[in-house]
N, C-alpha and C. Protein backbone atom coordinates (compact mmCIF):
# COMPACT_ATOMS: atom_id res chain seq x y z
N UNK A 1 96.86 102.98 43.51
CA UNK A 1 97.31 102.56 44.82
C UNK A 1 98.76 103.01 45.02
N UNK A 2 99.09 103.36 46.23
CA UNK A 2 100.41 103.87 46.58
C UNK A 2 101.49 102.82 46.33
N UNK A 3 102.57 103.23 45.65
CA UNK A 3 103.66 102.31 45.31
C UNK A 3 104.27 101.67 46.55
N UNK A 4 104.47 102.44 47.61
CA UNK A 4 105.06 101.90 48.84
C UNK A 4 104.16 100.85 49.46
N UNK A 5 102.86 101.06 49.42
CA UNK A 5 101.90 100.09 49.94
C UNK A 5 101.96 98.79 49.13
N UNK A 6 102.07 98.91 47.82
CA UNK A 6 102.18 97.73 46.96
C UNK A 6 103.47 96.98 47.27
N UNK A 7 104.57 97.70 47.38
CA UNK A 7 105.86 97.06 47.68
C UNK A 7 105.81 96.36 49.03
N UNK A 8 105.25 97.01 50.03
CA UNK A 8 105.13 96.39 51.36
C UNK A 8 104.26 95.15 51.31
N UNK A 9 103.17 95.20 50.54
CA UNK A 9 102.27 94.04 50.41
C UNK A 9 102.98 92.90 49.71
N UNK A 10 103.77 93.20 48.69
CA UNK A 10 104.52 92.16 47.98
C UNK A 10 105.53 91.50 48.92
N UNK A 11 106.26 92.29 49.67
CA UNK A 11 107.24 91.75 50.62
C UNK A 11 106.53 90.86 51.64
N UNK A 12 105.43 91.34 52.17
CA UNK A 12 104.66 90.57 53.16
C UNK A 12 104.15 89.26 52.55
N UNK A 13 103.67 89.32 51.33
CA UNK A 13 103.15 88.13 50.65
C UNK A 13 104.25 87.09 50.47
N UNK A 14 105.41 87.52 50.01
CA UNK A 14 106.52 86.59 49.78
C UNK A 14 106.96 85.99 51.12
N UNK A 15 107.08 86.81 52.14
CA UNK A 15 107.50 86.31 53.46
C UNK A 15 106.51 85.27 53.98
N UNK A 16 105.22 85.52 53.82
CA UNK A 16 104.20 84.62 54.33
C UNK A 16 104.07 83.33 53.53
N UNK A 17 104.52 83.34 52.29
CA UNK A 17 104.38 82.16 51.43
C UNK A 17 105.68 81.38 51.24
N UNK A 18 106.78 81.88 51.79
CA UNK A 18 108.08 81.23 51.61
C UNK A 18 108.14 79.90 52.35
N UNK A 19 108.66 78.90 51.65
CA UNK A 19 108.82 77.55 52.22
C UNK A 19 110.23 77.40 52.77
N UNK A 20 110.53 76.21 53.28
CA UNK A 20 111.83 75.93 53.90
C UNK A 20 112.99 76.14 52.93
N UNK A 21 112.75 75.95 51.63
CA UNK A 21 113.82 76.10 50.64
C UNK A 21 114.12 77.56 50.30
N UNK A 22 113.36 78.48 50.91
CA UNK A 22 113.60 79.90 50.69
C UNK A 22 112.81 80.52 49.56
N UNK A 23 112.05 79.72 48.83
CA UNK A 23 111.27 80.20 47.69
C UNK A 23 109.78 80.13 48.00
N UNK A 24 109.02 81.05 47.42
CA UNK A 24 107.57 81.07 47.55
C UNK A 24 106.94 80.75 46.20
N UNK A 25 105.94 79.89 46.22
CA UNK A 25 105.19 79.57 45.00
C UNK A 25 104.47 80.84 44.55
N UNK A 26 104.67 81.20 43.29
CA UNK A 26 104.12 82.46 42.78
C UNK A 26 102.60 82.48 42.84
N UNK A 27 101.95 81.34 42.62
CA UNK A 27 100.49 81.29 42.69
C UNK A 27 100.00 81.62 44.10
N UNK A 28 100.71 81.13 45.11
CA UNK A 28 100.33 81.42 46.49
C UNK A 28 100.54 82.91 46.80
N UNK A 29 101.62 83.47 46.28
CA UNK A 29 101.87 84.90 46.47
C UNK A 29 100.75 85.71 45.82
N UNK A 30 100.34 85.31 44.63
CA UNK A 30 99.26 86.01 43.93
C UNK A 30 97.96 85.96 44.70
N UNK A 31 97.64 84.79 45.26
CA UNK A 31 96.42 84.66 46.06
C UNK A 31 96.48 85.57 47.28
N UNK A 32 97.63 85.63 47.92
CA UNK A 32 97.81 86.49 49.09
C UNK A 32 97.61 87.96 48.71
N UNK A 33 98.21 88.36 47.59
CA UNK A 33 98.07 89.75 47.14
C UNK A 33 96.61 90.09 46.82
N UNK A 34 95.91 89.18 46.16
CA UNK A 34 94.49 89.42 45.85
C UNK A 34 93.69 89.59 47.14
N UNK A 35 93.99 88.78 48.14
CA UNK A 35 93.29 88.89 49.42
C UNK A 35 93.58 90.21 50.11
N UNK A 36 94.71 90.84 49.78
CA UNK A 36 95.07 92.15 50.33
C UNK A 36 94.52 93.30 49.49
N UNK A 37 93.81 92.96 48.40
CA UNK A 37 93.22 93.99 47.54
C UNK A 37 94.16 94.55 46.50
N UNK A 38 95.28 93.87 46.26
CA UNK A 38 96.25 94.33 45.26
C UNK A 38 95.85 93.78 43.90
N UNK A 39 95.69 94.67 42.94
CA UNK A 39 95.37 94.27 41.57
C UNK A 39 96.65 94.34 40.76
N UNK A 40 96.95 93.27 40.01
CA UNK A 40 98.26 93.23 39.36
C UNK A 40 98.25 92.80 37.90
N UNK A 41 97.16 92.42 37.31
CA UNK A 41 97.17 91.97 35.92
C UNK A 41 97.88 90.63 35.81
N UNK A 42 98.89 90.54 34.95
CA UNK A 42 99.67 89.30 34.81
C UNK A 42 100.69 89.24 35.93
N UNK A 43 100.57 88.24 36.77
CA UNK A 43 101.38 88.17 37.99
C UNK A 43 102.88 88.12 37.71
N UNK A 44 103.31 87.33 36.73
CA UNK A 44 104.75 87.24 36.46
C UNK A 44 105.33 88.59 36.05
N UNK A 45 104.61 89.34 35.24
CA UNK A 45 105.07 90.68 34.83
C UNK A 45 105.09 91.63 36.03
N UNK A 46 104.07 91.52 36.87
CA UNK A 46 104.01 92.34 38.07
C UNK A 46 105.23 92.10 38.95
N UNK A 47 105.53 90.83 39.22
CA UNK A 47 106.67 90.48 40.07
C UNK A 47 107.97 90.93 39.43
N UNK A 48 108.12 90.72 38.13
CA UNK A 48 109.35 91.13 37.44
C UNK A 48 109.55 92.64 37.50
N UNK A 49 108.47 93.39 37.61
CA UNK A 49 108.60 94.85 37.68
C UNK A 49 109.11 95.31 39.05
N UNK A 50 109.18 94.38 40.00
CA UNK A 50 109.73 94.68 41.32
C UNK A 50 111.01 93.87 41.55
N UNK A 51 111.83 93.78 40.52
CA UNK A 51 113.06 92.98 40.60
C UNK A 51 114.06 93.52 41.62
N UNK A 52 113.88 94.76 42.03
CA UNK A 52 114.74 95.30 43.10
C UNK A 52 114.34 94.72 44.46
N UNK A 53 113.17 94.09 44.54
CA UNK A 53 112.69 93.49 45.79
C UNK A 53 112.71 91.97 45.78
N UNK A 54 112.37 91.38 44.63
CA UNK A 54 112.21 89.93 44.56
C UNK A 54 112.88 89.33 43.33
N UNK A 55 113.33 88.09 43.48
CA UNK A 55 113.83 87.29 42.36
C UNK A 55 112.68 86.42 41.88
N UNK A 56 112.77 85.99 40.63
CA UNK A 56 111.70 85.21 40.01
C UNK A 56 112.33 84.14 39.14
N UNK A 57 111.81 82.91 39.22
CA UNK A 57 112.26 81.89 38.28
C UNK A 57 111.16 80.87 38.07
N UNK A 58 111.24 80.19 36.94
CA UNK A 58 110.27 79.16 36.59
C UNK A 58 111.01 77.82 36.55
N UNK A 59 110.52 76.86 37.31
CA UNK A 59 111.09 75.52 37.32
C UNK A 59 110.46 74.74 36.17
N UNK A 60 111.20 74.62 35.07
CA UNK A 60 110.70 73.95 33.88
C UNK A 60 111.02 72.47 33.88
N UNK A 61 111.66 71.99 34.95
CA UNK A 61 112.01 70.57 35.03
C UNK A 61 110.80 69.72 35.41
N UNK A 62 109.71 70.37 35.79
CA UNK A 62 108.49 69.65 36.12
C UNK A 62 107.38 70.06 35.18
N UNK A 63 106.36 69.22 35.08
CA UNK A 63 105.26 69.51 34.17
C UNK A 63 103.96 69.48 34.94
N UNK A 64 103.21 70.55 35.00
CA UNK A 64 103.49 71.83 34.37
C UNK A 64 104.55 72.62 35.15
N UNK A 65 105.23 73.53 34.46
CA UNK A 65 106.24 74.36 35.13
C UNK A 65 105.60 75.18 36.26
N UNK A 66 106.38 75.43 37.30
CA UNK A 66 105.90 76.22 38.44
C UNK A 66 106.83 77.41 38.63
N UNK A 67 106.22 78.58 38.83
CA UNK A 67 106.99 79.80 39.05
C UNK A 67 107.18 80.03 40.55
N UNK A 68 108.34 80.55 40.90
CA UNK A 68 108.69 80.84 42.28
C UNK A 68 109.28 82.24 42.39
N UNK A 69 109.23 82.76 43.58
CA UNK A 69 109.84 84.06 43.86
C UNK A 69 110.41 84.05 45.27
N UNK A 70 111.37 84.92 45.52
CA UNK A 70 111.93 85.10 46.86
C UNK A 70 112.44 86.51 46.98
N UNK A 71 112.60 86.95 48.20
CA UNK A 71 113.11 88.30 48.45
C UNK A 71 114.57 88.39 48.05
N UNK A 72 114.96 89.50 47.49
CA UNK A 72 116.35 89.76 47.14
C UNK A 72 117.11 89.96 48.45
N UNK A 73 118.26 89.34 48.54
CA UNK A 73 119.07 89.45 49.77
C UNK A 73 120.03 90.60 49.69
């Protein structure tokens, strides 16, 4: 699949899943990407490979931990 198409789909997914706090739940982003036909393997590694587009963090203060992402400003 074309890299630009994947990048555009990732940006669109994050924008569509972002909450009021500015962060998108990574699981929701993954579901959005799957619905767009994007295959990514391990989602956290996929997102980290696009660090020029998105930030990634895991909130370990809750159980179970939840991963989030947002667009780089």
